[in-house]
Amino acid sequence: MSNGQIDRIILGAEELFLQAGIRSVTMDDIARHLGMSKKTIYHFFKDKNDMVMALVKKKLRDDECQIVDIINNSSNVIEEMMNMMKASEEIFSRINPIVVHDMQKYHPDSWAEFQRFKSEVLVQTLEQLLLKGIEQGFIRPDIDVKIMAKMRVNQVEMGFNNAIFPVSQFSPWKVQYQMLEHFNYGICTLKGHEMLDRYKTAHNEKKAS
């Protein structure tokens, strides 16, 4: 089995899903997009549902590696938060909310895999980050880290709910950014606010240059 072929098919499918959602993209569309036969695709994936699951697992592995890399290369919790915000900008700016809706409705196994990752990896990672931030004096010691971690992780999902934030009226990334910034400033001490402001100013100056 060729890992290169599998990765190429997954990447091609992802490009189409992000543009048009999952439901409206057919295996024929993916084959045309990649310039390969549908038979070749079916050699690696039994159906579109199988492909969606493979894509979700790959993206979650990539996300986990990115989170670990950010944690290992940040000098404090505030820097971790800002680096995660920068990484999120690249991801969220590309996501079509229809993808989230289609996965929930038409690919429940893949959605369950995402929910498992959310509860087992994202929530626990955020809990640890908050506890570390309390020790460093950047995060308020009076917050309940379990509640805040669950709230923040589920905010992301809510931001892609088209019934609450219709794409015709709201930029998906702007919604996510506002929620994330509100969360960051809400959990921080005054010391944390000062550090956040410094990192934000440096980040904005770098973007403007």
Foldseek 3Di string as FASTA:
>chain_A
DDPVVLVLLLVLLVLVCLVPNLPVDALVNSCVSSVHDSVVVCVPAVGSLRSLLVNLVVVLVVVLVVLVVLVVPDPALLSSLVVVLVVVLVVQQRHQLNNVVCCVPPRVVSVVVVVCCLVVPQLVVQLVSQVRCVVVQFFDPPDDSNVLSVVLSVQLNVLSPCVVPPVVHDRSSVSNSVSSVVSQVVGTDVVNVVVNVVVVVVVVVVVVD
